[in-house]
Amino acid sequence: MNDRTQPHMAAPDTAAQTGESYFVNGKIFTGESEKHFVSGFGVCEGRFSRVLEDSEINSIPSDAEVVDLQGRTVVPGMLDIHTHPAFMASLTDSLEIFPPRVTSLDKMLDVLRSHPSLGAGSEAWVMAHGFDESKFSDGRKPSAQDLDRVAANQPVVARRCDGHTMVVNSFALELAEITAATPDPEGGRIERDDNGAPTGVLVETSAMNLVEKQRPSNGDRSAEQLAGLDEHFLSHGLVGVNDLYASFIDDPLPTFRRAGEQGFSPQAVIYPGWDALVDSAEAGIVPDLSDDDRAGRIKIGGVKLFMDGAFSDRNAWNEDPYPGTCSHGGRVATDDDMRSAVAWARRNGVQVAFHAMGDRALNQVLTLFGEDEPWMGDVPSIRLDHASLFTPEMIDNLLRARMSFGVISHTIFFFAEYEAYANNLSDTQFDNAYPIRSFYERVPHTALASDSPATAWADADNVFTSIRAAVERRSHDGSDIGQNQAISVAQAMLLYTARAAEVTCLEGLGRIRPGFEASFVVLDRDLFTLPIEQLDAVQVSQTWLAGTKRYEA
């Protein structure tokens, strides 16, 4: 920092609302490329006004307010473009049972017994979310009988980490009138014992909804619960999110907007579930969106359709069968479902996001729509979310397609759920799982995301955990998860900033560039020079959103 600017040093909570402020003496990753770093920038009226190379610091006006970053590292505000704020809000009354905190059935039951609603009567629900039975010593899912040990006279519900399975106790089965005679709902499964009796395990949304619809609605609490997530996102440096199934709450768009009025500050693009839109449609006709629905800081940007389940539960839809079985996993959506969702999205000028983990699910999307004309301009019309099993040939097919596809994938899954993937994939499939380097180098529209809280790890949307996993390509126990697909720290950061912004409709985010929203993050250490094993220890010191400091550690 040069002496000329010293008299004007300041550390305001709000930058440049009436004039121009400058942030200098930092290591600032702009998001323009892997190697573009500068030492300063200007902010005016909530937007970046200038980006300053070292030689330009002396051009700062003498009367300008200047903030000395004191050598700290700054990155653009980060984006999680596949996460679940609505799901998080719906879990406000649930206890967390994620690994690595919970790695046994007994520990899970102990956590459930600590729920404040235990013993509060038959209408009080005891709920938890996040178990991963692959971390349990016997590797089996809990059963209704296990949860009966927590309570026999009120509902007890435990969701699996992936969000595709729940286990309920006998009381909840009776409440939902699920018996041996209850048929499997379309797209879902009620697991049964050798005698045909329900075990308490419900697989996929349609089966879980048999119990969920018995639970009292959150009503007006949903907006308040969403607003209560504001500090969580800002403390993680997240200034923009995509909610990839906002239908976890009723009336998601107005509820999110009420949450915005109550303090929820990140930009949010929400994707209702196609199944929920169809179920709520009158006469089976899903209504069109208005211009207002698609505008503003909180808006509808697309619709989500499930193609399959999860690898960790052997429900992803694969070309090859799972090792030791004849099962290829499960398909959830029909071709008619897919065509209907795409036609509606095309008519309304929004994206379709397909949850597709297995290669057969992904190939079905590529085959069905690859030769169709895109409709979304600069952002991809169709998103392939998760894209867990993707061969080089599939990338070739994607690149040859007329349709514009975006790929949103993860490293947190492979990191957290290594045991399940090692058991559920062949060697060839394992080698093609989560090819992040290939996505980065070959797919124009691609990003990393967390899928939190549908991820088998506590604090799964800590960006720096995902970045370490992307750079190191080792699991939580140190196992190799495809080091030939490792990327650099800068590349991983781009997949959470600039390149993520190009996959979705988050406006003016992802770069420190003149004209873009002045949303940026100050880190507590230099992410770009740390040893790999320390990357997940990085923390956010400050988060600035549109020129205002909204979080300080």
Protein backbone atom coordinates (compact mmCIF):
# COMPACT_ATOMS: atom_id res chain seq x y z
CA MET A 1 0.00 0.00 0.00
CA ASN A 2 1.50 3.34 -0.96
CA ASP A 3 1.68 6.24 1.47
CA ARG A 4 -0.49 8.54 -0.63
CA THR A 5 -3.61 6.55 0.20
CA GLN A 6 -2.94 6.00 3.89
CA PRO A 7 -5.02 8.97 5.16
CA HIS A 8 -8.11 7.60 3.47
CA MET A 9 -7.99 4.08 4.86
CA ALA A 10 -11.36 2.75 5.96
CA ALA A 11 -13.12 -0.50 6.62
CA PRO A 12 -16.74 0.35 5.92
CA ASP A 13 -19.64 -2.06 6.12
CA THR A 14 -21.04 -0.49 2.97
CA ALA A 15 -18.84 0.41 0.01
CA ALA A 16 -19.51 3.20 -2.43
CA GLN A 17 -23.20 3.79 -2.02
CA THR A 18 -22.77 7.46 -2.86
CA GLY A 19 -19.22 7.55 -4.29
CA GLU A 20 -16.45 5.21 -5.32
CA SER A 21 -14.48 3.06 -2.90
CA TYR A 22 -11.29 1.15 -3.58
CA PHE A 23 -10.04 -2.11 -2.15
CA VAL A 24 -6.28 -2.42 -2.52
CA ASN A 25 -3.23 -4.39 -1.42
CA GLY A 26 -4.87 -7.78 -1.90
CA LYS A 27 -4.28 -10.97 -3.84
CA ILE A 28 -7.43 -10.83 -5.89
CA PHE A 29 -8.55 -13.71 -8.09
CA THR A 30 -10.87 -12.10 -10.64
CA GLY A 31 -12.42 -15.23 -12.14
CA GLU A 32 -11.45 -14.09 -15.63
CA SER A 33 -8.94 -16.94 -16.06
CA GLU A 34 -6.88 -19.39 -14.04
CA LYS A 35 -3.99 -16.93 -13.74
CA HIS A 36 -5.62 -13.50 -13.60
CA PHE A 37 -4.84 -11.90 -10.25
CA VAL A 38 -4.86 -8.18 -9.48
CA SER A 39 -4.13 -6.14 -6.37
CA GLY A 40 -7.16 -3.82 -6.25
CA PHE A 41 -10.63 -2.92 -7.49
CA GLY A 42 -13.15 -0.15 -7.24
CA VAL A 43 -16.78 -0.33 -6.17
CA CYS A 44 -19.53 2.16 -6.93
CA GLU A 45 -23.25 1.85 -6.24
CA GLY A 46 -23.03 -1.85 -5.49
CA ARG A 47 -21.05 -2.82 -8.58
CA PHE A 48 -17.42 -3.23 -9.49
CA SER A 49 -16.28 -0.04 -11.21
CA ARG A 50 -12.61 -0.76 -11.89
CA VAL A 51 -10.10 -3.59 -11.70
CA LEU A 52 -6.64 -2.31 -10.79
CA GLU A 53 -3.32 -3.79 -11.81
CA ASP A 54 -0.39 -2.92 -9.53
CA SER A 55 0.67 -0.08 -11.79
CA GLU A 56 -2.75 1.56 -11.55
CA ILE A 57 -2.95 1.94 -7.77
CA ASN A 58 -1.52 5.47 -8.01
CA SER A 59 -4.43 6.48 -10.26
CA ILE A 60 -6.92 6.26 -7.37
CA PRO A 61 -8.47 9.72 -6.76
CA SER A 62 -6.97 11.39 -3.72
CA ASP A 63 -10.36 11.89 -2.05
CA ALA A 64 -11.55 8.31 -2.55
CA GLU A 65 -12.28 5.97 0.33
CA VAL A 66 -9.68 3.19 0.33
CA VAL A 67 -9.79 -0.17 2.12
CA ASP A 68 -6.45 -1.90 2.73
CA LEU A 69 -6.90 -5.67 2.27
CA GLN A 70 -3.55 -6.17 4.03
CA GLY A 71 -2.40 -8.81 1.57
CA ARG A 72 -5.41 -11.05 2.06
CA THR A 73 -6.79 -13.28 -0.69
CA VAL A 74 -10.05 -12.23 -2.33
CA VAL A 75 -12.22 -14.29 -4.69
CA PRO A 76 -15.53 -13.56 -6.43
CA GLY A 77 -18.58 -14.44 -4.38
CA MET A 78 -19.03 -18.18 -4.78
CA LEU A 79 -22.03 -19.94 -6.31
CA ASP A 80 -23.59 -23.26 -5.38
CA ILE A 81 -25.73 -24.04 -8.38
CA HIS A 82 -27.04 -27.36 -7.14
CA THR A 83 -28.08 -27.08 -3.52
CA HIS A 84 -31.35 -27.28 -1.60
CA PRO A 85 -32.28 -24.30 0.58
CA ALA A 86 -35.94 -25.37 0.63
CA PHE A 87 -34.91 -28.83 1.77
CA MET A 88 -32.67 -27.27 4.44
CA ALA A 89 -35.60 -25.16 5.62
CA SER A 90 -37.85 -28.22 5.77
CA LEU A 91 -35.22 -29.93 7.94
CA THR A 92 -35.16 -27.16 10.54
CA ASP A 93 -36.83 -29.50 13.03
CA SER A 94 -34.59 -32.45 12.08
CA LEU A 95 -31.37 -33.47 13.78
CA GLU A 96 -28.23 -34.10 11.71
CA ILE A 97 -26.93 -37.67 11.54
CA PHE A 98 -24.27 -37.19 8.85
CA PRO A 99 -20.87 -38.83 8.76
CA PRO A 100 -18.30 -38.35 10.12
CA ARG A 101 -20.26 -37.52 13.27
CA VAL A 102 -22.55 -40.55 13.00
CA THR A 103 -21.02 -43.80 11.76
CA SER A 104 -23.07 -46.45 13.58
CA LEU A 105 -26.70 -47.40 14.05
CA ASP A 106 -26.41 -47.08 17.83
CA LYS A 107 -25.06 -43.53 17.52
CA MET A 108 -27.88 -42.67 15.11
CA LEU A 109 -30.49 -43.93 17.57
CA ASP A 110 -28.82 -41.99 20.39
CA VAL A 111 -29.09 -38.78 18.35
CA LEU A 112 -32.76 -39.45 17.63
CA ARG A 113 -33.37 -39.96 21.37
CA SER A 114 -32.04 -36.45 21.94
CA HIS A 115 -34.74 -34.86 19.73
CA PRO A 116 -36.68 -32.23 21.68
CA SER A 117 -40.00 -33.64 20.43
CA LEU A 118 -39.39 -37.09 21.89
CA GLY A 119 -42.18 -37.88 24.33
CA ALA A 120 -44.22 -34.81 23.32
CA GLY A 121 -47.22 -36.80 22.11
CA SER A 122 -48.43 -38.70 19.08
CA GLU A 123 -48.60 -35.59 16.88
CA ALA A 124 -44.97 -34.58 17.53
CA TRP A 125 -42.50 -35.88 14.95
CA VAL A 126 -39.00 -37.08 15.79
CA MET A 127 -36.89 -36.52 12.67
CA ALA A 128 -33.28 -36.74 11.57
CA HIS A 129 -31.44 -36.54 8.26
CA GLY A 130 -28.15 -37.77 6.86
CA PHE A 131 -27.46 -41.41 7.76
CA ASP A 132 -25.19 -43.44 5.50
CA GLU A 133 -25.39 -47.14 6.26
CA SER A 134 -22.19 -47.81 4.29
CA LYS A 135 -20.39 -46.28 7.29
CA PHE A 136 -22.13 -48.71 9.71
CA SER A 137 -20.26 -51.85 10.72
CA ASP A 138 -22.90 -54.22 9.30
CA GLY A 139 -23.68 -52.02 6.29
CA ARG A 140 -27.44 -52.39 6.59
CA LYS A 141 -30.13 -49.74 6.59
CA PRO A 142 -32.11 -49.16 9.78
CA SER A 143 -35.58 -50.68 9.94
CA ALA A 144 -38.91 -49.75 11.47
CA GLN A 145 -38.06 -52.05 14.37
CA ASP A 146 -34.82 -50.17 14.97
CA LEU A 147 -36.65 -46.83 15.09
CA ASP A 148 -39.31 -48.34 17.35
CA ARG A 149 -36.54 -48.48 19.96
CA VAL A 150 -36.59 -44.66 19.92
CA ALA A 151 -40.37 -44.27 20.24
CA ALA A 152 -43.37 -46.50 19.69
CA ASN A 153 -46.16 -43.96 20.13
CA GLN A 154 -45.13 -41.09 17.83
CA PRO A 155 -43.68 -40.83 14.31
CA VAL A 156 -39.92 -41.34 13.98
CA VAL A 157 -38.37 -40.59 10.58
CA ALA A 158 -34.74 -40.79 9.45
CA ARG A 159 -33.77 -39.66 5.95
CA ARG A 160 -30.81 -41.18 4.20
CA CYS A 161 -27.98 -38.80 3.23
CA ASP A 162 -28.88 -38.80 -0.48
CA GLY A 163 -32.46 -37.69 0.15
CA HIS A 164 -33.84 -40.56 -1.95
CA THR A 165 -34.65 -42.90 0.93
CA MET A 166 -36.21 -42.60 4.36
CA VAL A 167 -36.78 -45.05 7.18
CA VAL A 168 -39.82 -44.72 9.43
CA ASN A 169 -40.98 -46.49 12.55
CA SER A 170 -44.07 -48.68 12.87
CA PHE A 171 -46.19 -45.81 14.17
CA ALA A 172 -45.45 -43.76 11.03
CA LEU A 173 -46.25 -46.75 8.80
CA GLU A 174 -49.61 -47.10 10.54
CA LEU A 175 -50.24 -43.35 10.30
CA ALA A 176 -49.69 -43.52 6.53
CA GLU A 177 -51.71 -46.75 6.30
CA ILE A 178 -48.81 -48.57 4.66
CA THR A 179 -49.33 -52.33 4.93
CA ALA A 180 -48.32 -55.46 3.06
CA ALA A 181 -51.26 -54.79 0.74
CA THR A 182 -50.11 -51.26 -0.17
CA PRO A 183 -48.82 -51.22 -3.77
CA ASP A 184 -45.59 -49.48 -4.67
CA PRO A 185 -46.38 -45.96 -5.90
CA GLU A 186 -45.29 -45.07 -9.43
CA GLY A 187 -41.59 -44.27 -9.45
CA GLY A 188 -41.11 -45.40 -5.84
CA ARG A 189 -40.67 -48.53 -3.75
CA ILE A 190 -41.81 -49.80 -0.37
CA GLU A 191 -39.17 -52.26 0.79
CA ARG A 192 -40.58 -55.46 2.25
CA ASP A 193 -39.36 -58.46 4.23
CA ASP A 194 -39.59 -62.08 3.13
CA ASN A 195 -43.24 -62.17 4.21
CA GLY A 196 -44.17 -59.05 2.24
CA ALA A 197 -44.46 -56.79 5.29
CA PRO A 198 -43.06 -53.24 5.00
CA THR A 199 -39.63 -52.91 6.60
CA GLY A 200 -39.99 -49.16 7.12
CA VAL A 201 -37.67 -48.29 4.20
CA LEU A 202 -39.28 -46.03 1.58
CA VAL A 203 -37.39 -45.33 -1.65
CA GLU A 204 -37.83 -42.26 -3.91
CA THR A 205 -40.13 -39.27 -3.55
CA SER A 206 -43.44 -40.92 -4.36
CA ALA A 207 -42.95 -43.54 -1.64
CA MET A 208 -41.60 -41.08 0.93
CA ASN A 209 -44.55 -38.77 0.27
CA LEU A 210 -46.91 -41.43 1.63
CA VAL A 211 -45.51 -40.52 5.06
CA GLU A 212 -44.54 -36.89 4.36
CA LYS A 213 -48.10 -35.89 3.54
CA GLN A 214 -49.11 -36.92 7.07
CA ARG A 215 -46.75 -34.38 8.58
CA PRO A 216 -48.29 -31.03 9.54
CA SER A 217 -47.39 -28.24 7.11
CA ASN A 218 -44.82 -25.65 8.13
CA GLY A 219 -47.25 -23.01 6.88
CA ASP A 220 -45.89 -19.50 7.32
CA ARG A 221 -42.75 -20.81 9.03
CA SER A 222 -41.10 -21.75 5.71
CA ALA A 223 -40.16 -18.17 4.79
CA GLU A 224 -38.78 -17.58 8.27
CA GLN A 225 -36.80 -20.81 8.12
CA LEU A 226 -35.36 -19.87 4.72
CA ALA A 227 -34.40 -16.43 5.99
CA GLY A 228 -32.68 -18.15 8.88
CA LEU A 229 -30.27 -19.76 6.39
CA ASP A 230 -28.81 -16.40 5.36
CA GLU A 231 -25.83 -16.50 7.70
CA HIS A 232 -25.12 -20.10 6.76
CA PHE A 233 -24.72 -19.23 3.09
CA LEU A 234 -22.82 -15.99 3.65
CA SER A 235 -20.45 -17.62 6.14
CA HIS A 236 -19.67 -20.12 3.39
CA GLY A 237 -18.99 -17.30 0.92
CA LEU A 238 -22.05 -18.22 -1.15
CA VAL A 239 -23.70 -15.20 -2.77
CA GLY A 240 -25.79 -17.08 -5.31
CA VAL A 241 -27.61 -20.42 -5.18
CA ASN A 242 -29.78 -22.63 -7.33
CA ASP A 243 -32.44 -24.57 -5.44
CA LEU A 244 -32.76 -27.81 -7.39
CA TYR A 245 -36.11 -28.92 -6.03
CA ALA A 246 -37.73 -25.94 -4.42
CA SER A 247 -40.92 -27.98 -4.08
CA PHE A 248 -39.79 -29.18 -0.67
CA ILE A 249 -41.83 -26.18 0.51
CA ASP A 250 -45.31 -25.05 -0.55
CA ASP A 251 -45.58 -22.19 -3.04
CA PRO A 252 -41.80 -21.95 -3.42
CA LEU A 253 -41.45 -18.69 -5.38
CA PRO A 254 -43.62 -16.48 -3.12
CA THR A 255 -42.14 -18.22 -0.06
CA PHE A 256 -38.58 -17.51 -1.21
CA ARG A 257 -39.51 -13.91 -1.95
CA ARG A 258 -41.01 -13.47 1.51
CA ALA A 259 -37.77 -14.92 2.87
CA GLY A 260 -35.92 -12.26 0.87
CA GLU A 261 -37.97 -9.59 2.60
CA GLN A 262 -37.07 -11.20 5.94
CA GLY A 263 -33.32 -11.27 5.33
CA PHE A 264 -32.40 -14.03 2.87
CA SER A 265 -29.84 -12.17 0.75
CA PRO A 266 -28.11 -14.41 -1.84
CA GLN A 267 -29.43 -14.37 -5.37
CA ALA A 268 -31.57 -17.47 -5.79
CA VAL A 269 -32.71 -19.24 -8.94
CA ILE A 270 -35.28 -21.87 -8.04
CA TYR A 271 -36.26 -25.04 -9.88
CA PRO A 272 -39.58 -26.56 -8.80
CA GLY A 273 -39.99 -30.30 -9.29
CA TRP A 274 -41.85 -31.28 -12.44
CA ASP A 275 -43.68 -33.97 -10.46
CA ALA A 276 -44.88 -31.36 -7.96
CA LEU A 277 -46.03 -29.00 -10.72
CA VAL A 278 -47.98 -31.80 -12.41
CA ASP A 279 -49.52 -32.99 -9.13
CA SER A 280 -50.73 -29.49 -8.28
CA ALA A 281 -51.95 -28.62 -11.79
CA GLU A 282 -55.64 -28.23 -12.38
CA ALA A 283 -57.00 -30.51 -15.11
CA GLY A 284 -53.45 -31.79 -15.54
CA ILE A 285 -52.28 -28.60 -17.26
CA VAL A 286 -49.19 -26.98 -15.73
CA PRO A 287 -49.70 -23.20 -15.88
CA ASP A 288 -47.21 -20.99 -17.70
CA LEU A 289 -44.88 -18.57 -15.95
CA SER A 290 -45.28 -14.80 -15.95
CA ASP A 291 -42.47 -12.36 -16.75
CA ASP A 292 -42.33 -11.51 -13.06
CA ASP A 293 -41.78 -15.18 -12.16
CA ARG A 294 -38.57 -15.14 -14.21
CA ALA A 295 -37.15 -11.80 -13.05
CA GLY A 296 -35.37 -10.35 -10.03
CA ARG A 297 -32.91 -11.60 -7.45
CA ILE A 298 -35.22 -14.49 -6.62
CA LYS A 299 -36.86 -16.12 -9.63
CA ILE A 300 -37.78 -19.35 -11.35
CA GLY A 301 -35.01 -20.46 -13.68
CA GLY A 302 -36.15 -23.91 -14.63
CA VAL A 303 -37.81 -27.15 -13.65
CA LYS A 304 -36.24 -30.33 -12.27
CA LEU A 305 -37.00 -33.88 -13.31
CA PHE A 306 -35.60 -37.01 -11.65
CA MET A 307 -34.28 -39.65 -14.03
CA ASP A 308 -32.93 -42.04 -11.42
CA GLY A 309 -31.76 -42.40 -7.84
CA ALA A 310 -28.30 -42.55 -6.28
CA PHE A 311 -25.24 -44.76 -6.71
CA SER A 312 -24.73 -45.08 -2.98
CA ASP A 313 -28.10 -46.84 -2.74
CA ARG A 314 -27.81 -48.75 -6.06
CA ASN A 315 -30.69 -46.79 -7.55
CA ALA A 316 -28.77 -44.90 -10.26
CA TRP A 317 -29.78 -46.17 -13.73
CA ASN A 318 -26.79 -47.82 -15.42
CA GLU A 319 -25.97 -49.44 -18.75
CA ASP A 320 -24.19 -52.27 -16.92
CA PRO A 321 -25.64 -54.12 -13.93
CA TYR A 322 -24.39 -53.53 -10.42
CA PRO A 323 -21.59 -55.91 -9.40
CA GLY A 324 -22.91 -59.30 -8.39
CA THR A 325 -26.49 -58.57 -9.52
CA CYS A 326 -28.72 -58.40 -12.57
CA SER A 327 -30.00 -54.96 -11.51
CA HIS A 328 -29.31 -51.87 -13.61
CA GLY A 329 -30.85 -49.58 -11.00
CA GLY A 330 -34.07 -47.66 -11.32
CA ARG A 331 -35.59 -45.29 -13.85
CA VAL A 332 -37.95 -42.70 -12.40
CA ALA A 333 -39.15 -40.56 -15.33
CA THR A 334 -40.77 -41.83 -18.52
CA ASP A 335 -40.00 -40.48 -21.98
CA ASP A 336 -43.40 -38.77 -21.92
CA ASP A 337 -42.51 -37.10 -18.61
CA MET A 338 -39.26 -35.88 -20.13
CA ARG A 339 -40.85 -34.55 -23.30
CA SER A 340 -43.60 -32.79 -21.36
CA ALA A 341 -41.13 -31.06 -19.04
CA VAL A 342 -38.92 -29.95 -21.94
CA ALA A 343 -41.91 -28.65 -23.94
CA TRP A 344 -43.11 -26.61 -20.95
CA ALA A 345 -39.62 -25.24 -20.29
CA ARG A 346 -39.14 -24.31 -23.95
CA ARG A 347 -42.47 -22.50 -24.00
CA ASN A 348 -41.62 -20.62 -20.80
CA GLY A 349 -38.01 -19.79 -21.60
CA VAL A 350 -36.47 -21.65 -18.65
CA GLN A 351 -34.09 -24.58 -18.24
CA VAL A 352 -34.77 -28.25 -17.60
CA ALA A 353 -32.49 -29.83 -15.01
CA PHE A 354 -32.36 -33.62 -15.19
CA HIS A 355 -31.19 -35.44 -12.10
CA ALA A 356 -29.17 -38.12 -13.88
CA MET A 357 -26.43 -40.08 -12.12
CA GLY A 358 -26.13 -43.34 -14.04
CA ASP A 359 -24.80 -43.50 -17.58
CA ARG A 360 -28.02 -45.03 -18.88
CA ALA A 361 -30.03 -42.13 -17.44
CA LEU A 362 -27.62 -39.62 -18.98
CA ASN A 363 -27.62 -41.39 -22.34
CA GLN A 364 -31.42 -41.34 -22.39
CA VAL A 365 -31.41 -37.54 -22.07
CA LEU A 366 -28.70 -37.15 -24.71
CA THR A 367 -30.50 -39.48 -27.10
CA LEU A 368 -33.95 -38.00 -26.63
CA PHE A 369 -32.99 -34.33 -26.97
CA GLY A 370 -29.53 -34.22 -28.54
CA GLU A 371 -30.80 -33.16 -31.96
CA ASP A 372 -33.37 -30.64 -30.70
CA GLU A 373 -32.81 -26.91 -31.03
CA PRO A 374 -31.76 -25.14 -27.83
CA TRP A 375 -33.89 -22.24 -26.63
CA MET A 376 -31.98 -20.50 -23.82
CA GLY A 377 -29.38 -18.44 -25.66
CA ASP A 378 -26.10 -18.11 -23.76
CA VAL A 379 -26.95 -20.57 -20.97
CA PRO A 380 -27.59 -24.27 -21.62
CA SER A 381 -31.20 -25.23 -22.20
CA ILE A 382 -30.79 -28.65 -20.55
CA ARG A 383 -28.75 -29.31 -17.43
CA LEU A 384 -27.34 -32.75 -16.62
CA ASP A 385 -27.12 -32.59 -12.84
CA HIS A 386 -24.81 -34.98 -10.95
CA ALA A 387 -23.51 -36.62 -14.16
CA SER A 388 -21.74 -39.18 -11.98
CA LEU A 389 -20.84 -41.81 -14.57
CA PHE A 390 -19.69 -40.15 -17.80
CA THR A 391 -17.44 -41.84 -20.34
CA PRO A 392 -15.26 -40.00 -22.90
CA GLU A 393 -17.61 -41.25 -25.62
CA MET A 394 -20.55 -39.64 -23.83
CA ILE A 395 -18.70 -36.32 -23.78
CA ASP A 396 -18.10 -36.75 -27.54
CA ASN A 397 -21.84 -37.24 -28.03
CA LEU A 398 -22.62 -34.19 -25.90
CA LEU A 399 -20.27 -32.04 -27.95
CA ARG A 400 -21.74 -33.25 -31.25
CA ALA A 401 -25.29 -32.49 -30.14
CA ARG A 402 -27.30 -29.58 -31.49
CA MET A 403 -28.83 -29.11 -28.05
CA SER A 404 -26.91 -26.97 -25.55
CA PHE A 405 -26.19 -29.09 -22.47
CA GLY A 406 -24.68 -28.03 -19.15
CA VAL A 407 -22.98 -30.47 -16.78
CA ILE A 408 -23.08 -29.92 -13.02
CA SER A 409 -21.14 -32.49 -11.02
CA HIS A 410 -19.46 -33.04 -7.67
CA THR A 411 -16.36 -34.19 -5.90
CA ILE A 412 -17.94 -34.16 -2.44
CA PHE A 413 -19.94 -37.32 -3.34
CA PHE A 414 -16.87 -39.37 -4.26
CA PHE A 415 -14.98 -37.94 -1.26
CA ALA A 416 -17.72 -38.70 1.27
CA GLU A 417 -19.24 -41.90 -0.11
CA TYR A 418 -16.14 -43.75 -1.28
CA GLU A 419 -17.13 -47.02 0.41
CA ALA A 420 -20.46 -47.14 -1.43
CA TYR A 421 -18.91 -46.32 -4.80
CA ALA A 422 -16.14 -48.89 -4.33
CA ASN A 423 -18.79 -51.55 -3.63
CA ASN A 424 -21.30 -50.49 -6.26
CA LEU A 425 -19.13 -49.77 -9.32
CA SER A 426 -17.07 -52.04 -11.52
CA ASP A 427 -13.45 -51.08 -12.11
CA THR A 428 -14.33 -49.56 -15.47
CA GLN A 429 -17.24 -47.61 -14.02
CA PHE A 430 -15.06 -46.40 -11.15
CA ASP A 431 -12.53 -45.05 -13.66
CA ASN A 432 -15.29 -43.05 -15.40
CA ALA A 433 -16.87 -41.64 -12.24
CA TYR A 434 -16.91 -37.87 -11.76
CA PRO A 435 -14.45 -36.99 -14.56
CA ILE A 436 -14.09 -33.38 -13.42
CA ARG A 437 -10.91 -32.65 -15.37
CA SER A 438 -12.53 -33.88 -18.58
CA PHE A 439 -15.59 -31.75 -17.88
CA TYR A 440 -13.40 -28.72 -17.20
CA GLU A 441 -11.32 -29.13 -20.34
CA ARG A 442 -13.97 -30.32 -22.79
CA VAL A 443 -17.46 -29.19 -21.74
CA PRO A 444 -18.12 -25.47 -22.31
CA HIS A 445 -20.83 -25.23 -19.64
CA THR A 446 -19.81 -27.05 -16.48
CA ALA A 447 -19.62 -26.42 -12.73
CA LEU A 448 -19.06 -27.99 -9.35
CA ALA A 449 -21.77 -27.99 -6.68
CA SER A 450 -22.58 -29.54 -3.31
CA ASP A 451 -26.12 -31.02 -3.48
CA SER A 452 -26.28 -30.16 0.24
CA PRO A 453 -27.93 -31.46 2.37
CA ALA A 454 -28.46 -34.54 0.15
CA THR A 455 -24.79 -35.44 0.61
CA ALA A 456 -23.25 -37.88 3.05
CA TRP A 457 -21.06 -35.41 4.88
CA ALA A 458 -21.55 -32.82 7.58
CA ASP A 459 -21.22 -29.25 6.24
CA ALA A 460 -21.26 -30.60 2.70
CA ASP A 461 -21.55 -27.15 1.12
CA ASN A 462 -18.21 -26.04 2.50
CA VAL A 463 -16.72 -25.14 -0.89
CA PHE A 464 -13.18 -25.77 0.31
CA THR A 465 -13.92 -29.42 1.12
CA SER A 466 -15.05 -29.90 -2.47
CA ILE A 467 -12.05 -27.99 -3.79
CA ARG A 468 -9.62 -30.16 -1.83
CA ALA A 469 -11.35 -33.29 -3.14
CA ALA A 470 -11.17 -31.94 -6.71
CA VAL A 471 -7.46 -31.13 -6.42
CA GLU A 472 -6.33 -34.14 -4.40
CA ARG A 473 -8.82 -36.72 -5.73
CA ARG A 474 -8.69 -38.71 -2.54
CA SER A 475 -11.60 -39.75 -0.36
CA HIS A 476 -12.13 -38.97 3.31
CA ASP A 477 -10.04 -42.03 4.20
CA GLY A 478 -7.24 -41.22 1.74
CA SER A 479 -8.31 -43.67 -0.98
CA ASP A 480 -7.58 -42.81 -4.61
CA ILE A 481 -10.72 -41.53 -6.36
CA GLY A 482 -9.24 -40.93 -9.78
CA GLN A 483 -6.17 -38.73 -9.51
CA ASN A 484 -5.92 -38.57 -13.31
CA GLN A 485 -9.06 -36.41 -13.12
CA ALA A 486 -7.58 -33.94 -10.62
CA ILE A 487 -7.71 -30.22 -11.37
CA SER A 488 -5.88 -27.20 -9.97
CA VAL A 489 -7.10 -24.92 -7.18
CA ALA A 490 -7.71 -22.10 -9.66
CA GLN A 491 -9.67 -24.40 -11.95
CA ALA A 492 -11.81 -25.61 -9.06
CA MET A 493 -12.44 -22.02 -7.98
CA LEU A 494 -13.57 -21.14 -11.52
CA LEU A 495 -16.05 -24.03 -11.35
CA TYR A 496 -17.55 -22.38 -8.27
CA THR A 497 -17.51 -18.84 -9.69
CA ALA A 498 -17.26 -17.69 -13.31
CA ARG A 499 -17.99 -20.99 -14.99
CA ALA A 500 -20.81 -21.78 -12.59
CA ALA A 501 -22.45 -18.45 -13.46
CA GLU A 502 -22.42 -19.41 -17.14
CA VAL A 503 -24.51 -22.53 -16.50
CA THR A 504 -27.46 -20.77 -14.91
CA CYS A 505 -29.28 -17.44 -14.76
CA LEU A 506 -27.46 -15.80 -11.85
CA GLU A 507 -26.91 -12.25 -13.08
CA GLY A 508 -23.67 -10.31 -12.71
CA LEU A 509 -22.00 -12.84 -10.43
CA GLY A 510 -18.92 -15.03 -10.63
CA ARG A 511 -16.32 -12.43 -11.66
CA ILE A 512 -14.63 -9.35 -10.32
CA ARG A 513 -15.26 -7.31 -13.44
CA PRO A 514 -16.50 -3.75 -14.06
CA GLY A 515 -20.28 -3.74 -14.21
CA PHE A 516 -20.71 -6.96 -12.25
CA GLU A 517 -22.36 -7.03 -8.83
CA ALA A 518 -19.76 -6.19 -6.17
CA SER A 519 -20.13 -9.52 -4.37
CA PHE A 520 -16.82 -10.94 -3.19
CA VAL A 521 -15.22 -12.98 -0.43
CA VAL A 522 -12.17 -12.29 1.72
CA LEU A 523 -10.42 -15.49 2.85
CA ASP A 524 -8.44 -16.10 6.02
CA ARG A 525 -5.44 -17.53 4.13
CA ASP A 526 -4.09 -17.86 0.61
CA LEU A 527 -6.01 -20.70 -0.97
CA PHE A 528 -3.72 -20.71 -4.01
CA THR A 529 -0.44 -21.47 -2.20
CA LEU A 530 -1.56 -23.80 0.60
CA PRO A 531 -0.49 -27.44 0.71
CA ILE A 532 -3.30 -29.60 -0.66
CA GLU A 533 -4.01 -31.22 2.71
CA GLN A 534 -4.80 -27.80 4.19
CA LEU A 535 -7.25 -26.60 1.54
CA ASP A 536 -10.33 -27.65 3.48
CA ALA A 537 -9.17 -25.58 6.48
CA VAL A 538 -9.68 -22.30 4.57
CA GLN A 539 -12.41 -20.14 6.08
CA VAL A 540 -14.33 -17.10 4.98
CA SER A 541 -13.34 -13.93 6.84
CA GLN A 542 -15.80 -11.58 5.11
CA THR A 543 -18.56 -11.81 2.54
CA TRP A 544 -19.57 -8.67 0.66
CA LEU A 545 -22.80 -8.69 -1.29
CA ALA A 546 -23.54 -5.90 -3.78
CA GLY A 547 -21.05 -3.60 -2.09
CA THR A 548 -22.23 -4.27 1.46
CA LYS A 549 -20.37 -6.35 4.01
CA ARG A 550 -22.97 -8.91 5.05
CA TYR A 551 -20.78 -11.32 7.01
CA GLU A 552 -17.63 -11.11 9.10
CA ALA A 553 -16.17 -14.06 10.98
